[in-house]
Amino acid sequence: MKHTLGQRIREARRERGIDQVTLAARLDVASRTIQRWEKGEQVPDSNYLMRLAKITGVSPQWLLTGKRDMYPTRAEANVFPLATGRYRKVELIPLPLLSSVPGGAPSMIFHPDYVEKYITVDDVRDPSAFALEVKGNSMAPKIEDGDIIIVSPKQEARSGDICVVRVNDEDTVKRVKIDDQFLHLVPLNPEYEPMVVRKKDVAFMWRVVKVIKTIS
């Protein structure tokens, strides 16, 4: 038996031969929303659970609880009342996905005025927030190549935060250590060297508030 809701969603999808992109399109959500459901990072509400059950042909009760058979019998009711009070209601917010930011050596490839597409996330309360795809592995394993980071320009960046930083027209994502005159850009991957820059050369320092992992 699949012990978590996310595992059961993944099993139901795979048994039906549906990939994440196709399922997302049929539910009218972002494919990364499906990924987060299957990883257990987010719980679909009762409406989406019922639609998931219908699309994949599984029993709603099995999908929610893991009890009974995976596929409904004729005697089973068509509508199963889901215990939605058990779950926290999550507000989904569309955010612009801008061009990539390097998670390795600094680069000039991040262009904040160019919107590539939009993604759907939850629990982000900054209307100016946006998403970036990371290229490189200097912040691995926390942030790896292809992961999506959510940046909140309005939240104050403090020493120890992971931030997107622009220095002398070059951009990077690093953990920052702030002192009086200098900014230390610290990678999490020990194969990369820290950098030290003058604070007066920093054009902006935007705090990373969420990481959406890529599922291979």
C-alpha atoms as a PDB file:
ATOM      1  CA  MET A   1       0.000   0.000   0.000  1.00  0.00           C
ATOM      2  CA  LYS A   2       1.169   3.501  -0.766  1.00  0.00           C
ATOM      3  CA  HIS A   3       1.346   5.195   2.626  1.00  0.00           C
ATOM      4  CA  THR A   4       1.133   8.846   1.595  1.00  0.00           C
ATOM      5  CA  LEU A   5      -1.327  10.778  -0.525  1.00  0.00           C
ATOM      6  CA  GLY A   6       1.489  11.893  -2.815  1.00  0.00           C
ATOM      7  CA  GLN A   7       2.594   8.307  -3.421  1.00  0.00           C
ATOM      8  CA  ARG A   8      -0.962   7.299  -4.272  1.00  0.00           C
ATOM      9  CA  ILE A   9      -1.364  10.202  -6.704  1.00  0.00           C
ATOM     10  CA  ARG A  10       1.850   9.127  -8.459  1.00  0.00           C
ATOM     11  CA  GLU A  11       0.770   5.482  -8.570  1.00  0.00           C
ATOM     12  CA  ALA A  12      -2.683   6.352  -9.929  1.00  0.00           C
ATOM     13  CA  ARG A  13      -1.153   8.539 -12.635  1.00  0.00           C
ATOM     14  CA  ARG A  14       1.409   5.949 -13.684  1.00  0.00           C
ATOM     15  CA  GLU A  15      -1.113   3.086 -13.682  1.00  0.00           C
ATOM     16  CA  ARG A  16      -3.187   5.159 -16.091  1.00  0.00           C
ATOM     17  CA  GLY A  17      -0.123   5.841 -18.261  1.00  0.00           C
ATOM     18  CA  ILE A  18      -0.377   9.613 -17.858  1.00  0.00           C
ATOM     19  CA  ASP A  19       2.685  11.813 -17.469  1.00  0.00           C
ATOM     20  CA  GLN A  20       2.800  14.839 -15.174  1.00  0.00           C
ATOM     21  CA  VAL A  21       2.482  17.382 -17.985  1.00  0.00           C
ATOM     22  CA  THR A  22      -0.638  15.701 -19.412  1.00  0.00           C
ATOM     23  CA  LEU A  23      -2.264  15.401 -16.002  1.00  0.00           C
ATOM     24  CA  ALA A  24      -1.491  19.052 -15.223  1.00  0.00           C
ATOM     25  CA  ALA A  25      -3.096  20.135 -18.503  1.00  0.00           C
ATOM     26  CA  ARG A  26      -6.257  18.123 -17.777  1.00  0.00           C
ATOM     27  CA  LEU A  27      -6.498  19.645 -14.294  1.00  0.00           C
ATOM     28  CA  ASP A  28      -5.562  23.134 -15.522  1.00  0.00           C
ATOM     29  CA  VAL A  29      -2.656  23.489 -13.096  1.00  0.00           C
ATOM     30  CA  ALA A  30       1.105  23.890 -13.538  1.00  0.00           C
ATOM     31  CA  SER A  31       3.078  20.673 -13.962  1.00  0.00           C
ATOM     32  CA  ARG A  32       5.154  21.645 -10.935  1.00  0.00           C
ATOM     33  CA  THR A  33       1.946  21.624  -8.897  1.00  0.00           C
ATOM     34  CA  ILE A  34       1.602  17.932  -9.767  1.00  0.00           C
ATOM     35  CA  GLN A  35       5.232  17.425  -8.770  1.00  0.00           C
ATOM     36  CA  ARG A  36       4.638  19.075  -5.403  1.00  0.00           C
ATOM     37  CA  TRP A  37       1.513  16.986  -4.772  1.00  0.00           C
ATOM     38  CA  GLU A  38       3.432  13.804  -5.489  1.00  0.00           C
ATOM     39  CA  LYS A  39       6.342  14.868  -3.273  1.00  0.00           C
ATOM     40  CA  GLY A  40       3.947  15.699  -0.418  1.00  0.00           C
ATOM     41  CA  GLU A  41       4.953  19.357  -0.375  1.00  0.00           C
ATOM     42  CA  GLN A  42       1.401  20.474  -1.103  1.00  0.00           C
ATOM     43  CA  VAL A  43      -2.041  18.878  -0.685  1.00  0.00           C
ATOM     44  CA  PRO A  44      -4.717  19.218  -3.393  1.00  0.00           C
ATOM     45  CA  ASP A  45      -8.127  20.374  -2.200  1.00  0.00           C
ATOM     46  CA  SER A  46     -11.237  18.192  -2.390  1.00  0.00           C
ATOM     47  CA  ASN A  47     -12.183  19.412  -5.865  1.00  0.00           C
ATOM     48  CA  TYR A  48      -8.820  18.434  -7.320  1.00  0.00           C
ATOM     49  CA  LEU A  49      -8.842  15.112  -5.451  1.00  0.00           C
ATOM     50  CA  MET A  50     -12.204  14.198  -6.967  1.00  0.00           C
ATOM     51  CA  ARG A  51     -10.988  15.218 -10.431  1.00  0.00           C
ATOM     52  CA  LEU A  52      -7.777  13.228  -9.943  1.00  0.00           C
ATOM     53  CA  ALA A  53      -9.820  10.165  -9.037  1.00  0.00           C
ATOM     54  CA  LYS A  54     -12.070  10.608 -12.060  1.00  0.00           C
ATOM     55  CA  ILE A  55      -9.206  11.132 -14.524  1.00  0.00           C
ATOM     56  CA  THR A  56      -7.185   8.173 -13.251  1.00  0.00           C
ATOM     57  CA  GLY A  57     -10.214   5.948 -12.597  1.00  0.00           C
ATOM     58  CA  VAL A  58      -9.275   5.147  -8.996  1.00  0.00           C
ATOM     59  CA  SER A  59     -11.493   5.118  -5.937  1.00  0.00           C
ATOM     60  CA  PRO A  60     -11.657   8.544  -4.230  1.00  0.00           C
ATOM     61  CA  GLN A  61     -11.527   6.847  -0.831  1.00  0.00           C
ATOM     62  CA  TRP A  62      -8.406   4.881  -1.786  1.00  0.00           C
ATOM     63  CA  LEU A  63      -6.791   8.045  -3.133  1.00  0.00           C
ATOM     64  CA  LEU A  64      -7.466   9.965   0.073  1.00  0.00           C
ATOM     65  CA  THR A  65      -6.904   7.278   2.712  1.00  0.00           C
ATOM     66  CA  GLY A  66      -5.283   4.271   1.067  1.00  0.00           C
ATOM     67  CA  LYS A  67      -8.141   2.085   2.320  1.00  0.00           C
ATOM     68  CA  ARG A  68     -10.316  -0.236   0.241  1.00  0.00           C
ATOM     69  CA  ASP A  69      -9.426  -1.257  -3.293  1.00  0.00           C
ATOM     70  CA  MET A  70      -7.568   1.043  -5.641  1.00  0.00           C
ATOM     71  CA  TYR A  71     -10.322   0.845  -8.240  1.00  0.00           C
ATOM     72  CA  PRO A  72     -14.007   1.363  -7.303  1.00  0.00           C
ATOM     73  CA  THR A  73     -16.539  -1.427  -7.415  1.00  0.00           C
ATOM     74  CA  ARG A  74     -20.060  -1.074  -8.755  1.00  0.00           C
ATOM     75  CA  ALA A  75     -21.437  -0.977  -5.228  1.00  0.00           C
ATOM     76  CA  GLU A  76     -19.245   1.945  -4.277  1.00  0.00           C
ATOM     77  CA  ALA A  77     -20.911   5.354  -4.277  1.00  0.00           C
ATOM     78  CA  ASN A  78     -20.069   7.709  -7.101  1.00  0.00           C
ATOM     79  CA  VAL A  79     -19.425  10.614  -4.729  1.00  0.00           C
ATOM     80  CA  PHE A  80     -17.291  10.273  -1.620  1.00  0.00           C
ATOM     81  CA  PRO A  81     -17.322  13.136   0.926  1.00  0.00           C
ATOM     82  CA  LEU A  82     -13.677  14.099   1.483  1.00  0.00           C
ATOM     83  CA  ALA A  83     -12.564  15.184   4.933  1.00  0.00           C
ATOM     84  CA  THR A  84     -11.203  18.525   3.767  1.00  0.00           C
ATOM     85  CA  GLY A  85     -11.052  19.903   7.308  1.00  0.00           C
ATOM     86  CA  ARG A  86      -7.912  17.841   7.841  1.00  0.00           C
ATOM     87  CA  TYR A  87      -5.958  19.958   5.398  1.00  0.00           C
ATOM     88  CA  ARG A  88      -4.850  23.555   5.344  1.00  0.00           C
ATOM     89  CA  LYS A  89      -6.334  25.595   2.524  1.00  0.00           C
ATOM     90  CA  VAL A  90      -3.556  26.823   0.250  1.00  0.00           C
ATOM     91  CA  GLU A  91      -3.918  29.860  -1.990  1.00  0.00           C
ATOM     92  CA  LEU A  92      -2.234  29.379  -5.365  1.00  0.00           C
ATOM     93  CA  ILE A  93      -0.656  32.434  -6.933  1.00  0.00           C
ATOM     94  CA  PRO A  94       0.675  32.829 -10.497  1.00  0.00           C
ATOM     95  CA  LEU A  95       4.167  34.325 -10.610  1.00  0.00           C
ATOM     96  CA  PRO A  96       6.213  35.347 -13.658  1.00  0.00           C
ATOM     97  CA  LEU A  97       9.086  33.004 -14.475  1.00  0.00           C
ATOM     98  CA  LEU A  98      11.914  35.182 -15.713  1.00  0.00           C
ATOM     99  CA  SER A  99      15.074  34.135 -17.474  1.00  0.00           C
ATOM    100  CA  SER A 100      17.707  32.035 -15.723  1.00  0.00           C
ATOM    101  CA  VAL A 101      20.062  33.070 -12.958  1.00  0.00           C
ATOM    102  CA  PRO A 102      23.445  31.345 -12.600  1.00  0.00           C
ATOM    103  CA  GLY A 103      24.020  29.072  -9.650  1.00  0.00           C
ATOM    104  CA  GLY A 104      27.680  28.846 -10.515  1.00  0.00           C
ATOM    105  CA  ALA A 105      30.054  31.554 -11.653  1.00  0.00           C
ATOM    106  CA  PRO A 106      28.475  35.016 -11.985  1.00  0.00           C
ATOM    107  CA  SER A 107      26.969  35.689 -15.373  1.00  0.00           C
ATOM    108  CA  MET A 108      25.056  38.349 -17.285  1.00  0.00           C
ATOM    109  CA  ILE A 109      22.250  36.052 -18.492  1.00  0.00           C
ATOM    110  CA  PHE A 110      19.541  37.151 -16.033  1.00  0.00           C
ATOM    111  CA  HIS A 111      17.223  39.769 -17.546  1.00  0.00           C
ATOM    112  CA  PRO A 112      14.517  40.780 -15.027  1.00  0.00           C
ATOM    113  CA  ASP A 113      12.432  42.662 -17.598  1.00  0.00           C
ATOM    114  CA  TYR A 114      11.788  39.574 -19.730  1.00  0.00           C
ATOM    115  CA  VAL A 115       8.971  37.241 -18.710  1.00  0.00           C
ATOM    116  CA  GLU A 116       9.237  33.751 -20.209  1.00  0.00           C
ATOM    117  CA  LYS A 117       6.071  32.244 -18.699  1.00  0.00           C
ATOM    118  CA  TYR A 118       4.158  31.944 -15.438  1.00  0.00           C
ATOM    119  CA  ILE A 119       4.196  29.282 -12.745  1.00  0.00           C
ATOM    120  CA  THR A 120       1.788  28.630  -9.880  1.00  0.00           C
ATOM    121  CA  VAL A 121       3.040  28.634  -6.295  1.00  0.00           C
ATOM    122  CA  ASP A 122       1.550  28.842  -2.811  1.00  0.00           C
ATOM    123  CA  ASP A 123       2.114  30.950   0.302  1.00  0.00           C
ATOM    124  CA  VAL A 124       3.953  33.837  -1.342  1.00  0.00           C
ATOM    125  CA  ARG A 125       2.595  37.137  -0.075  1.00  0.00           C
ATOM    126  CA  ASP A 126       4.771  39.589  -1.985  1.00  0.00           C
ATOM    127  CA  PRO A 127       2.958  40.883  -5.110  1.00  0.00           C
ATOM    128  CA  SER A 128       6.329  41.823  -6.610  1.00  0.00           C
ATOM    129  CA  ALA A 129       7.740  38.284  -6.200  1.00  0.00           C
ATOM    130  CA  PHE A 130       8.886  36.349  -9.248  1.00  0.00           C
ATOM    131  CA  ALA A 131      10.489  33.049 -10.179  1.00  0.00           C
ATOM    132  CA  LEU A 132      13.872  32.223 -11.700  1.00  0.00           C
ATOM    133  CA  GLU A 133      15.319  28.998 -13.059  1.00  0.00           C
ATOM    134  CA  VAL A 134      18.773  28.239 -11.672  1.00  0.00           C
ATOM    135  CA  LYS A 135      21.623  27.182 -13.926  1.00  0.00           C
ATOM    136  CA  GLY A 136      24.604  25.525 -12.270  1.00  0.00           C
ATOM    137  CA  ASN A 137      25.259  23.609  -9.061  1.00  0.00           C
ATOM    138  CA  SER A 138      27.213  25.929  -6.775  1.00  0.00           C
ATOM    139  CA  MET A 139      24.264  25.847  -4.346  1.00  0.00           C
ATOM    140  CA  ALA A 140      23.770  22.072  -4.454  1.00  0.00           C
ATOM    141  CA  PRO A 141      22.267  20.103  -2.892  1.00  0.00           C
ATOM    142  CA  LYS A 142      19.761  22.705  -1.619  1.00  0.00           C
ATOM    143  CA  ILE A 143      19.422  24.378  -5.032  1.00  0.00           C
ATOM    144  CA  GLU A 144      20.454  22.410  -8.108  1.00  0.00           C
ATOM    145  CA  ASP A 145      20.625  22.975 -11.833  1.00  0.00           C
ATOM    146  CA  GLY A 146      17.096  23.403 -13.207  1.00  0.00           C
ATOM    147  CA  ASP A 147      15.433  24.162  -9.855  1.00  0.00           C
ATOM    148  CA  ILE A 148      13.096  27.128  -9.595  1.00  0.00           C
ATOM    149  CA  ILE A 149      13.648  29.780  -6.924  1.00  0.00           C
ATOM    150  CA  ILE A 150      11.062  32.332  -5.795  1.00  0.00           C
ATOM    151  CA  VAL A 151      12.529  35.772  -5.127  1.00  0.00           C
ATOM    152  CA  SER A 152      10.900  38.422  -2.940  1.00  0.00           C
ATOM    153  CA  PRO A 153      12.394  41.877  -3.566  1.00  0.00           C
ATOM    154  CA  LYS A 154      10.358  43.423  -0.726  1.00  0.00           C
ATOM    155  CA  GLN A 155      11.728  41.166   2.000  1.00  0.00           C
ATOM    156  CA  GLU A 156      14.853  42.430   3.688  1.00  0.00           C
ATOM    157  CA  ALA A 157      17.922  40.346   2.936  1.00  0.00           C
ATOM    158  CA  ARG A 158      19.937  39.490   6.023  1.00  0.00           C
ATOM    159  CA  SER A 159      23.252  37.821   6.646  1.00  0.00           C
ATOM    160  CA  GLY A 160      22.804  34.080   6.188  1.00  0.00           C
ATOM    161  CA  ASP A 161      20.010  34.363   3.611  1.00  0.00           C
ATOM    162  CA  ILE A 162      20.231  32.890   0.130  1.00  0.00           C
ATOM    163  CA  CYS A 163      19.888  35.761  -2.329  1.00  0.00           C
ATOM    164  CA  VAL A 164      20.052  36.702  -5.975  1.00  0.00           C
ATOM    165  CA  VAL A 165      22.798  39.322  -6.144  1.00  0.00           C
ATOM    166  CA  ARG A 166      23.886  41.662  -8.929  1.00  0.00           C
ATOM    167  CA  VAL A 167      27.469  42.904  -8.701  1.00  0.00           C
ATOM    168  CA  ASN A 168      29.050  45.009 -11.441  1.00  0.00           C
ATOM    169  CA  ASP A 169      26.292  44.004 -13.901  1.00  0.00           C
ATOM    170  CA  GLU A 170      26.786  40.298 -13.222  1.00  0.00           C
ATOM    171  CA  ASP A 171      24.282  38.075 -11.418  1.00  0.00           C
ATOM    172  CA  THR A 172      24.511  35.048  -9.168  1.00  0.00           C
ATOM    173  CA  VAL A 173      22.597  33.200  -6.458  1.00  0.00           C
ATOM    174  CA  LYS A 174      24.542  32.575  -3.237  1.00  0.00           C
ATOM    175  CA  ARG A 175      24.242  32.591   0.529  1.00  0.00           C
ATOM    176  CA  VAL A 176      25.276  36.050   1.700  1.00  0.00           C
ATOM    177  CA  LYS A 177      27.346  37.124   4.666  1.00  0.00           C
ATOM    178  CA  ILE A 178      27.179  40.851   5.262  1.00  0.00           C
ATOM    179  CA  ASP A 179      29.706  42.981   7.110  1.00  0.00           C
ATOM    180  CA  ASP A 180      30.414  46.724   7.205  1.00  0.00           C
ATOM    181  CA  GLN A 181      32.035  47.191   3.803  1.00  0.00           C
ATOM    182  CA  PHE A 182      31.962  43.819   2.088  1.00  0.00           C
ATOM    183  CA  LEU A 183      29.507  41.178   0.964  1.00  0.00           C
ATOM    184  CA  HIS A 184      30.611  37.548   1.068  1.00  0.00           C
ATOM    185  CA  LEU A 185      28.971  35.310  -1.561  1.00  0.00           C
ATOM    186  CA  VAL A 186      29.139  31.789  -0.189  1.00  0.00           C
ATOM    187  CA  PRO A 187      28.293  28.684  -2.285  1.00  0.00           C
ATOM    188  CA  LEU A 188      26.843  25.629  -0.533  1.00  0.00           C
ATOM    189  CA  ASN A 189      28.725  23.269  -2.830  1.00  0.00           C
ATOM    190  CA  PRO A 190      32.278  22.865  -1.434  1.00  0.00           C
ATOM    191  CA  GLU A 191      33.645  22.486  -4.957  1.00  0.00           C
ATOM    192  CA  TYR A 192      33.069  26.219  -5.509  1.00  0.00           C
ATOM    193  CA  GLU A 193      35.013  29.058  -3.914  1.00  0.00           C
ATOM    194  CA  PRO A 194      33.392  31.928  -1.972  1.00  0.00           C
ATOM    195  CA  MET A 195      33.650  35.432  -3.385  1.00  0.00           C
ATOM    196  CA  VAL A 196      34.030  38.746  -1.596  1.00  0.00           C
ATOM    197  CA  VAL A 197      32.734  41.964  -3.168  1.00  0.00           C
ATOM    198  CA  ARG A 198      32.410  45.545  -2.018  1.00  0.00           C
ATOM    199  CA  LYS A 199      28.931  46.495  -0.850  1.00  0.00           C
ATOM    200  CA  LYS A 200      29.045  49.664  -2.931  1.00  0.00           C
ATOM    201  CA  ASP A 201      29.336  47.506  -6.078  1.00  0.00           C
ATOM    202  CA  VAL A 202      26.108  45.622  -5.307  1.00  0.00           C
ATOM    203  CA  ALA A 203      23.185  46.823  -7.435  1.00  0.00           C
ATOM    204  CA  PHE A 204      20.599  44.656  -5.664  1.00  0.00           C
ATOM    205  CA  MET A 205      20.327  41.752  -3.236  1.00  0.00           C
ATOM    206  CA  TRP A 206      16.970  39.940  -3.403  1.00  0.00           C
ATOM    207  CA  ARG A 207      16.030  37.266  -0.903  1.00  0.00           C
ATOM    208  CA  VAL A 208      15.106  33.750  -2.058  1.00  0.00           C
ATOM    209  CA  VAL A 209      11.954  32.703  -0.164  1.00  0.00           C
ATOM    210  CA  LYS A 210      11.114  29.345  -1.765  1.00  0.00           C
ATOM    211  CA  VAL A 211      12.814  26.593  -3.743  1.00  0.00           C
ATOM    212  CA  ILE A 212      10.882  24.322  -6.101  1.00  0.00           C
ATOM    213  CA  LYS A 213      12.905  21.199  -6.760  1.00  0.00           C
ATOM    214  CA  THR A 214      13.065  19.687 -10.216  1.00  0.00           C
ATOM    215  CA  ILE A 215      11.925  16.077 -10.387  1.00  0.00           C
ATOM    216  CA  SER A 216      13.883  14.061 -12.910  1.00  0.00           C
END
